[in-house]
Amino acid sequence: MTITTVSEDALSPAERRRRKVRDAIIHAAEAIFTEEGESGLSMRRIAERIDYSPAALYKYFDSKEALFREIRESFFERLHDRMKAVTDSIKDGPMLCTPCMRAYVETGLEQPGHYKLAFSAFPDDKDPEEETYAFAAAGHLHQMIQYSMDEGWFRRMDIELAAKSVWAASHGLTLLAVTIPNFPCGLPGLSLDPDASRDPQETEVRMELDRLIAFHSEAVLRGLGTAKLLSRLDAGETF
C-alpha cells in the first residue's frame, strides 16, 4: 500500500496552527505519562498542562483512546520510513537484518516517552486498519521476511508467526533500552563485571547497546536462516 503525506509547506496557516496544537497535546501527554504513569493521564490533566479547556481538546481528539491511536501512528510512521530507507539500500543478504533492528531501537530511543506511551494501552483490535502506518509497517515486515525466504536466506516458515517473533525481539530490546537507565550497562545484579555499579559514560552505553543489538540480531537471523545464511555468518560476515 502507499501512504501519501503532506509537507508542512503545503499546509494552510490554519492547518499549521491545528497541527501545532495537536503536537502540543501529544507532547503534554508524553510528559504526564513519564511523570505519573498511565493512571495520571487524562484529557483534563493534558488540558491543564497546555492551558486549554478540556472541551477545546475534544476538537482535536474525541477521547483518550483516539489520542493514543494518534501517538501510535506517529511512531509507526517514523518506523515505516526508517525501515524503508534501510531495506532500499540492501544489495546483498536478507532484507531483514541488523540495520533493521538498529533502526527500530533508535526510533524508540529518539522519543522514549512517546514509545512507552504508544504501547502502554495497545488496542484489542485483531489487525491494524488499512491506510494506517501501523498496517504499512506490519506489511513491510512481512515483505522483508517473504523476500528473504524467496532469495534463499530464510527457511520456509509461517510468515505471520515469524513476523510476531521478530517484532517481539525488537520491541523487547527497545522497551528495556527506553525504560532502564544506562541499559545495557549498569546492571550489577545481572553482571559479573565488578565495575558494573558505576555510572557509565554515554558513549560506553551506546557502544554496549550497539554490541547487544548486533548479537541479538544475529541470534534472530540464525534462528530464521538457511544453510546459505548460516555459512556466511560462520565465515564472519555481518548482515
C-alpha atoms as a PDB file:
ATOM      1  CA  MET A   1       0.000   0.000   0.000  1.00  0.00           C
ATOM      2  CA  THR A   2       1.062   3.608  -0.485  1.00  0.00           C
ATOM      3  CA  ILE A   3       0.501   6.362   2.052  1.00  0.00           C
ATOM      4  CA  THR A   4       0.637   9.925   0.858  1.00  0.00           C
ATOM      5  CA  THR A   5       1.968  12.619   3.173  1.00  0.00           C
ATOM      6  CA  VAL A   6       1.573  16.381   3.133  1.00  0.00           C
ATOM      7  CA  SER A   7       4.601  18.566   3.772  1.00  0.00           C
ATOM      8  CA  GLU A   8       4.492  21.403   6.279  1.00  0.00           C
ATOM      9  CA  ASP A   9       4.926  23.962   3.474  1.00  0.00           C
ATOM     10  CA  ALA A  10       1.797  22.690   1.715  1.00  0.00           C
ATOM     11  CA  LEU A  11      -0.399  23.353   4.751  1.00  0.00           C
ATOM     12  CA  SER A  12      -2.508  26.471   5.136  1.00  0.00           C
ATOM     13  CA  PRO A  13      -1.874  28.756   8.165  1.00  0.00           C
ATOM     14  CA  ALA A  14      -4.984  27.343   9.851  1.00  0.00           C
ATOM     15  CA  GLU A  15      -3.808  23.763   9.237  1.00  0.00           C
ATOM     16  CA  ARG A  16      -0.353  24.573  10.600  1.00  0.00           C
ATOM     17  CA  ARG A  17      -1.919  26.035  13.747  1.00  0.00           C
ATOM     18  CA  ARG A  18      -4.055  22.945  14.153  1.00  0.00           C
ATOM     19  CA  ARG A  19      -1.027  20.668  13.751  1.00  0.00           C
ATOM     20  CA  LYS A  20       0.898  22.768  16.289  1.00  0.00           C
ATOM     21  CA  VAL A  21      -1.865  22.330  18.873  1.00  0.00           C
ATOM     22  CA  ARG A  22      -2.091  18.588  18.177  1.00  0.00           C
ATOM     23  CA  ASP A  23       1.681  18.299  18.689  1.00  0.00           C
ATOM     24  CA  ALA A  24       1.404  20.240  21.962  1.00  0.00           C
ATOM     25  CA  ILE A  25      -1.321  17.856  23.177  1.00  0.00           C
ATOM     26  CA  ILE A  26       0.801  14.825  22.328  1.00  0.00           C
ATOM     27  CA  HIS A  27       3.915  16.268  23.999  1.00  0.00           C
ATOM     28  CA  ALA A  28       1.901  17.083  27.128  1.00  0.00           C
ATOM     29  CA  ALA A  29       0.511  13.547  27.199  1.00  0.00           C
ATOM     30  CA  GLU A  30       4.018  12.112  26.933  1.00  0.00           C
ATOM     31  CA  ALA A  31       5.296  14.342  29.753  1.00  0.00           C
ATOM     32  CA  ILE A  32       2.423  13.448  32.089  1.00  0.00           C
ATOM     33  CA  PHE A  33       2.789   9.748  31.287  1.00  0.00           C
ATOM     34  CA  THR A  34       6.520   9.903  32.059  1.00  0.00           C
ATOM     35  CA  GLU A  35       5.904  11.692  35.362  1.00  0.00           C
ATOM     36  CA  GLU A  36       2.798   9.912  36.632  1.00  0.00           C
ATOM     37  CA  GLY A  37       2.167   6.839  34.530  1.00  0.00           C
ATOM     38  CA  GLU A  38      -0.993   5.955  32.642  1.00  0.00           C
ATOM     39  CA  SER A  39      -3.199   6.322  35.736  1.00  0.00           C
ATOM     40  CA  GLY A  40      -2.386  10.042  35.892  1.00  0.00           C
ATOM     41  CA  LEU A  41      -3.131  10.675  32.244  1.00  0.00           C
ATOM     42  CA  SER A  42      -6.478  12.230  31.398  1.00  0.00           C
ATOM     43  CA  MET A  43      -7.780  14.777  28.933  1.00  0.00           C
ATOM     44  CA  ARG A  44      -8.335  17.195  31.826  1.00  0.00           C
ATOM     45  CA  ARG A  45      -4.707  16.873  33.002  1.00  0.00           C
ATOM     46  CA  ILE A  46      -3.479  17.412  29.453  1.00  0.00           C
ATOM     47  CA  ALA A  47      -5.682  20.491  29.098  1.00  0.00           C
ATOM     48  CA  GLU A  48      -4.256  21.921  32.309  1.00  0.00           C
ATOM     49  CA  ARG A  49      -0.699  21.297  31.117  1.00  0.00           C
ATOM     50  CA  ILE A  50      -1.119  23.300  27.889  1.00  0.00           C
ATOM     51  CA  ASP A  51      -3.570  25.845  29.350  1.00  0.00           C
ATOM     52  CA  TYR A  52      -6.534  24.765  27.249  1.00  0.00           C
ATOM     53  CA  SER A  53     -10.051  23.883  28.271  1.00  0.00           C
ATOM     54  CA  PRO A  54     -10.913  20.164  28.179  1.00  0.00           C
ATOM     55  CA  ALA A  55     -13.683  20.976  25.695  1.00  0.00           C
ATOM     56  CA  ALA A  56     -11.121  22.522  23.326  1.00  0.00           C
ATOM     57  CA  LEU A  57      -9.067  19.316  23.368  1.00  0.00           C
ATOM     58  CA  TYR A  58     -12.028  17.304  22.164  1.00  0.00           C
ATOM     59  CA  LYS A  59     -11.940  19.278  18.924  1.00  0.00           C
ATOM     60  CA  TYR A  60      -8.664  17.512  18.213  1.00  0.00           C
ATOM     61  CA  PHE A  61      -9.175  14.120  19.879  1.00  0.00           C
ATOM     62  CA  ASP A  62     -12.615  12.820  20.783  1.00  0.00           C
ATOM     63  CA  SER A  63     -11.228  10.545  23.517  1.00  0.00           C
ATOM     64  CA  LYS A  64      -8.052   9.472  25.268  1.00  0.00           C
ATOM     65  CA  GLU A  65      -8.125   6.330  23.123  1.00  0.00           C
ATOM     66  CA  ALA A  66      -8.123   8.478  19.970  1.00  0.00           C
ATOM     67  CA  LEU A  67      -5.081  10.325  21.317  1.00  0.00           C
ATOM     68  CA  PHE A  68      -3.307   7.014  21.920  1.00  0.00           C
ATOM     69  CA  ARG A  69      -4.075   5.939  18.348  1.00  0.00           C
ATOM     70  CA  GLU A  70      -2.504   9.148  17.056  1.00  0.00           C
ATOM     71  CA  ILE A  71       0.607   8.590  19.150  1.00  0.00           C
ATOM     72  CA  ARG A  72       0.940   5.025  17.889  1.00  0.00           C
ATOM     73  CA  GLU A  73       0.504   6.198  14.305  1.00  0.00           C
ATOM     74  CA  SER A  74       3.225   8.807  14.749  1.00  0.00           C
ATOM     75  CA  PHE A  75       5.627   6.110  15.951  1.00  0.00           C
ATOM     76  CA  PHE A  76       4.743   3.716  13.135  1.00  0.00           C
ATOM     77  CA  GLU A  77       5.134   6.499  10.566  1.00  0.00           C
ATOM     78  CA  ARG A  78       8.702   7.152  11.686  1.00  0.00           C
ATOM     79  CA  LEU A  79       9.390   3.424  11.925  1.00  0.00           C
ATOM     80  CA  HIS A  80       7.997   2.704   8.461  1.00  0.00           C
ATOM     81  CA  ASP A  81      10.110   5.456   6.888  1.00  0.00           C
ATOM     82  CA  ARG A  82      13.246   4.287   8.717  1.00  0.00           C
ATOM     83  CA  MET A  83      12.750   0.664   7.724  1.00  0.00           C
ATOM     84  CA  LYS A  84      12.078   1.519   4.111  1.00  0.00           C
ATOM     85  CA  ALA A  85      15.258   3.583   3.958  1.00  0.00           C
ATOM     86  CA  VAL A  86      17.243   0.612   5.308  1.00  0.00           C
ATOM     87  CA  THR A  87      15.740  -2.037   3.044  1.00  0.00           C
ATOM     88  CA  ASP A  88      16.018   0.160  -0.067  1.00  0.00           C
ATOM     89  CA  SER A  89      19.796   0.233   0.461  1.00  0.00           C
ATOM     90  CA  ILE A  90      20.326  -3.537   0.775  1.00  0.00           C
ATOM     91  CA  LYS A  91      22.285  -5.049  -2.107  1.00  0.00           C
ATOM     92  CA  ASP A  92      23.203  -8.468  -0.691  1.00  0.00           C
ATOM     93  CA  GLY A  93      21.818 -10.586   2.121  1.00  0.00           C
ATOM     94  CA  PRO A  94      18.430 -10.931   3.796  1.00  0.00           C
ATOM     95  CA  MET A  95      16.185  -7.901   3.738  1.00  0.00           C
ATOM     96  CA  LEU A  96      15.558  -8.384   7.455  1.00  0.00           C
ATOM     97  CA  CYS A  97      18.918  -7.564   9.003  1.00  0.00           C
ATOM     98  CA  THR A  98      20.850  -5.916  11.832  1.00  0.00           C
ATOM     99  CA  PRO A  99      20.390  -2.360  10.479  1.00  0.00           C
ATOM    100  CA  CYS A 100      16.619  -3.002  10.614  1.00  0.00           C
ATOM    101  CA  MET A 101      16.731  -3.897  14.298  1.00  0.00           C
ATOM    102  CA  ARG A 102      19.029  -0.954  14.985  1.00  0.00           C
ATOM    103  CA  ALA A 103      16.586   1.365  13.186  1.00  0.00           C
ATOM    104  CA  TYR A 104      13.726   0.057  15.329  1.00  0.00           C
ATOM    105  CA  VAL A 105      15.624   0.575  18.595  1.00  0.00           C
ATOM    106  CA  GLU A 106      16.832   4.032  17.565  1.00  0.00           C
ATOM    107  CA  THR A 107      13.308   5.082  16.573  1.00  0.00           C
ATOM    108  CA  GLY A 108      12.169   4.239  20.092  1.00  0.00           C
ATOM    109  CA  LEU A 109      15.158   5.919  21.750  1.00  0.00           C
ATOM    110  CA  GLU A 110      14.584   9.171  19.872  1.00  0.00           C
ATOM    111  CA  GLN A 111      11.400   9.746  21.892  1.00  0.00           C
ATOM    112  CA  PRO A 112      11.349   7.353  24.866  1.00  0.00           C
ATOM    113  CA  GLY A 113       8.205   8.829  26.429  1.00  0.00           C
ATOM    114  CA  HIS A 114       6.407   8.619  23.112  1.00  0.00           C
ATOM    115  CA  TYR A 115       7.448   4.992  22.632  1.00  0.00           C
ATOM    116  CA  LYS A 116       6.333   3.866  26.093  1.00  0.00           C
ATOM    117  CA  LEU A 117       3.030   5.701  25.772  1.00  0.00           C
ATOM    118  CA  ALA A 118       2.396   4.292  22.287  1.00  0.00           C
ATOM    119  CA  PHE A 119       2.481   0.741  23.657  1.00  0.00           C
ATOM    120  CA  SER A 120       1.039   1.345  27.131  1.00  0.00           C
ATOM    121  CA  ALA A 121      -2.560   0.583  26.168  1.00  0.00           C
ATOM    122  CA  PHE A 122      -2.399  -1.342  22.916  1.00  0.00           C
ATOM    123  CA  PRO A 123      -5.852  -1.888  21.362  1.00  0.00           C
ATOM    124  CA  ASP A 124      -7.634  -5.229  21.296  1.00  0.00           C
ATOM    125  CA  ASP A 125      -8.175  -4.912  17.518  1.00  0.00           C
ATOM    126  CA  LYS A 126      -7.139  -8.033  15.628  1.00  0.00           C
ATOM    127  CA  ASP A 127      -5.362  -6.144  12.852  1.00  0.00           C
ATOM    128  CA  PRO A 128      -4.408  -2.525  12.190  1.00  0.00           C
ATOM    129  CA  GLU A 129      -6.740  -0.696   9.854  1.00  0.00           C
ATOM    130  CA  GLU A 130      -5.680  -0.289   6.245  1.00  0.00           C
ATOM    131  CA  GLU A 131      -4.400   3.143   5.224  1.00  0.00           C
ATOM    132  CA  THR A 132      -2.567   3.464   8.547  1.00  0.00           C
ATOM    133  CA  TYR A 133       1.160   3.434   9.149  1.00  0.00           C
ATOM    134  CA  ALA A 134       0.708   0.573  11.611  1.00  0.00           C
ATOM    135  CA  PHE A 135      -0.720  -1.503   8.754  1.00  0.00           C
ATOM    136  CA  ALA A 136       2.046  -0.369   6.384  1.00  0.00           C
ATOM    137  CA  ALA A 137       4.797  -1.192   8.906  1.00  0.00           C
ATOM    138  CA  ALA A 138       3.346  -4.653   9.536  1.00  0.00           C
ATOM    139  CA  GLY A 139       3.050  -5.259   5.804  1.00  0.00           C
ATOM    140  CA  HIS A 140       6.635  -4.168   5.229  1.00  0.00           C
ATOM    141  CA  LEU A 141       7.876  -6.615   7.877  1.00  0.00           C
ATOM    142  CA  HIS A 142       6.007  -9.430   6.134  1.00  0.00           C
ATOM    143  CA  GLN A 143       7.563  -8.379   2.820  1.00  0.00           C
ATOM    144  CA  MET A 144      11.062  -8.414   4.339  1.00  0.00           C
ATOM    145  CA  ILE A 145      10.577 -11.961   5.575  1.00  0.00           C
ATOM    146  CA  GLN A 146       8.977 -13.132   2.324  1.00  0.00           C
ATOM    147  CA  TYR A 147      11.799 -11.637   0.222  1.00  0.00           C
ATOM    148  CA  SER A 148      14.420 -13.243   2.466  1.00  0.00           C
ATOM    149  CA  MET A 149      12.718 -16.639   2.027  1.00  0.00           C
ATOM    150  CA  ASP A 150      12.337 -16.236  -1.735  1.00  0.00           C
ATOM    151  CA  GLU A 151      16.048 -15.387  -2.065  1.00  0.00           C
ATOM    152  CA  GLY A 152      17.059 -18.450  -0.059  1.00  0.00           C
ATOM    153  CA  TRP A 153      18.291 -16.640   3.047  1.00  0.00           C
ATOM    154  CA  PHE A 154      15.466 -17.760   5.344  1.00  0.00           C
ATOM    155  CA  ARG A 155      13.954 -21.223   5.586  1.00  0.00           C
ATOM    156  CA  ARG A 156      10.294 -21.668   4.705  1.00  0.00           C
ATOM    157  CA  MET A 157       8.097 -20.793   7.656  1.00  0.00           C
ATOM    158  CA  ASP A 158       4.809 -19.281   8.782  1.00  0.00           C
ATOM    159  CA  ILE A 159       5.353 -15.615   7.912  1.00  0.00           C
ATOM    160  CA  GLU A 160       2.767 -14.366  10.384  1.00  0.00           C
ATOM    161  CA  LEU A 161       4.385 -16.279  13.233  1.00  0.00           C
ATOM    162  CA  ALA A 162       7.876 -15.209  12.174  1.00  0.00           C
ATOM    163  CA  ALA A 163       6.822 -11.544  11.999  1.00  0.00           C
ATOM    164  CA  LYS A 164       5.399 -11.673  15.528  1.00  0.00           C
ATOM    165  CA  SER A 165       8.584 -13.302  16.806  1.00  0.00           C
ATOM    166  CA  VAL A 166      10.826 -10.708  15.131  1.00  0.00           C
ATOM    167  CA  TRP A 167       8.690  -7.861  16.442  1.00  0.00           C
ATOM    168  CA  ALA A 168       8.751  -9.329  19.967  1.00  0.00           C
ATOM    169  CA  ALA A 169      12.559  -9.445  19.844  1.00  0.00           C
ATOM    170  CA  SER A 170      12.846  -5.851  18.601  1.00  0.00           C
ATOM    171  CA  HIS A 171      10.180  -4.471  20.935  1.00  0.00           C
ATOM    172  CA  GLY A 172      11.575  -6.224  23.996  1.00  0.00           C
ATOM    173  CA  LEU A 173      15.055  -4.853  23.411  1.00  0.00           C
ATOM    174  CA  THR A 174      13.724  -1.353  22.733  1.00  0.00           C
ATOM    175  CA  LEU A 175      11.487  -1.334  25.814  1.00  0.00           C
ATOM    176  CA  LEU A 176      14.451  -2.257  28.004  1.00  0.00           C
ATOM    177  CA  ALA A 177      16.535   0.499  26.401  1.00  0.00           C
ATOM    178  CA  VAL A 178      13.903   3.217  26.926  1.00  0.00           C
ATOM    179  CA  THR A 179      12.906   2.073  30.428  1.00  0.00           C
ATOM    180  CA  ILE A 180      16.139   1.165  32.242  1.00  0.00           C
ATOM    181  CA  PRO A 181      18.715   3.971  32.651  1.00  0.00           C
ATOM    182  CA  ASN A 182      22.077   3.156  31.075  1.00  0.00           C
ATOM    183  CA  PHE A 183      20.813  -0.135  29.635  1.00  0.00           C
ATOM    184  CA  PRO A 184      22.599  -2.471  28.955  1.00  0.00           C
ATOM    185  CA  CYS A 185      25.340  -1.125  31.258  1.00  0.00           C
ATOM    186  CA  GLY A 186      24.972  -0.514  34.960  1.00  0.00           C
ATOM    187  CA  LEU A 187      23.067  -3.670  35.873  1.00  0.00           C
ATOM    188  CA  PRO A 188      25.162  -5.088  38.750  1.00  0.00           C
ATOM    189  CA  GLY A 189      22.586  -7.753  39.590  1.00  0.00           C
ATOM    190  CA  LEU A 190      22.938  -9.225  36.097  1.00  0.00           C
ATOM    191  CA  SER A 191      26.640  -8.637  35.533  1.00  0.00           C
ATOM    192  CA  LEU A 192      29.865 -10.321  36.613  1.00  0.00           C
ATOM    193  CA  ASP A 193      31.725  -7.075  35.961  1.00  0.00           C
ATOM    194  CA  PRO A 194      32.863  -5.607  39.327  1.00  0.00           C
ATOM    195  CA  ASP A 195      32.645  -2.114  37.828  1.00  0.00           C
ATOM    196  CA  ALA A 196      29.029  -2.529  36.752  1.00  0.00           C
ATOM    197  CA  SER A 197      27.743  -0.455  39.693  1.00  0.00           C
ATOM    198  CA  ARG A 198      29.444   2.720  38.498  1.00  0.00           C
ATOM    199  CA  ASP A 199      27.689   5.196  36.218  1.00  0.00           C
ATOM    200  CA  PRO A 200      28.853   4.508  32.643  1.00  0.00           C
ATOM    201  CA  GLN A 201      29.534   7.234  30.121  1.00  0.00           C
ATOM    202  CA  GLU A 202      27.018   7.875  27.363  1.00  0.00           C
ATOM    203  CA  THR A 203      29.442   6.671  24.680  1.00  0.00           C
ATOM    204  CA  GLU A 204      30.043   3.468  26.639  1.00  0.00           C
ATOM    205  CA  VAL A 205      26.296   2.842  26.916  1.00  0.00           C
ATOM    206  CA  ARG A 206      25.872   3.432  23.194  1.00  0.00           C
ATOM    207  CA  MET A 207      28.721   1.098  22.270  1.00  0.00           C
ATOM    208  CA  GLU A 208      27.408  -1.655  24.523  1.00  0.00           C
ATOM    209  CA  LEU A 209      23.883  -1.233  23.145  1.00  0.00           C
ATOM    210  CA  ASP A 210      25.249  -1.476  19.599  1.00  0.00           C
ATOM    211  CA  ARG A 211      27.032  -4.705  20.542  1.00  0.00           C
ATOM    212  CA  LEU A 212      23.857  -6.101  22.070  1.00  0.00           C
ATOM    213  CA  ILE A 213      21.786  -5.172  19.014  1.00  0.00           C
ATOM    214  CA  ALA A 214      24.282  -6.917  16.741  1.00  0.00           C
ATOM    215  CA  PHE A 215      24.354 -10.021  18.958  1.00  0.00           C
ATOM    216  CA  HIS A 216      20.564 -10.097  19.315  1.00  0.00           C
ATOM    217  CA  SER A 217      20.075  -9.622  15.578  1.00  0.00           C
ATOM    218  CA  GLU A 218      22.484 -12.425  14.700  1.00  0.00           C
ATOM    219  CA  ALA A 219      20.614 -14.733  17.092  1.00  0.00           C
ATOM    220  CA  VAL A 220      17.375 -13.913  15.244  1.00  0.00           C
ATOM    221  CA  LEU A 221      18.993 -14.412  11.835  1.00  0.00           C
ATOM    222  CA  ARG A 222      20.448 -17.760  12.863  1.00  0.00           C
ATOM    223  CA  GLY A 223      17.037 -18.853  14.070  1.00  0.00           C
ATOM    224  CA  LEU A 224      15.445 -17.995  10.722  1.00  0.00           C
ATOM    225  CA  GLY A 225      18.353 -18.702   8.391  1.00  0.00           C
ATOM    226  CA  THR A 226      19.090 -21.391   5.852  1.00  0.00           C
ATOM    227  CA  ALA A 227      22.464 -23.104   5.436  1.00  0.00           C
ATOM    228  CA  LYS A 228      23.297 -20.374   2.903  1.00  0.00           C
ATOM    229  CA  LEU A 229      22.945 -17.649   5.529  1.00  0.00           C
ATOM    230  CA  LEU A 230      24.468 -19.668   8.373  1.00  0.00           C
ATOM    231  CA  SER A 231      27.607 -20.467   6.367  1.00  0.00           C
ATOM    232  CA  ARG A 232      28.226 -16.796   5.685  1.00  0.00           C
ATOM    233  CA  LEU A 233      27.588 -15.844   9.294  1.00  0.00           C
ATOM    234  CA  ASP A 234      30.016 -18.585  10.371  1.00  0.00           C
ATOM    235  CA  ALA A 235      32.564 -17.065   7.984  1.00  0.00           C
ATOM    236  CA  GLY A 236      32.334 -13.795   9.916  1.00  0.00           C
ATOM    237  CA  GLU A 237      30.071 -11.810   7.607  1.00  0.00           C
ATOM    238  CA  THR A 238      27.511  -9.475   9.129  1.00  0.00           C
ATOM    239  CA  PHE A 239      24.062  -8.720   7.803  1.00  0.00           C
END
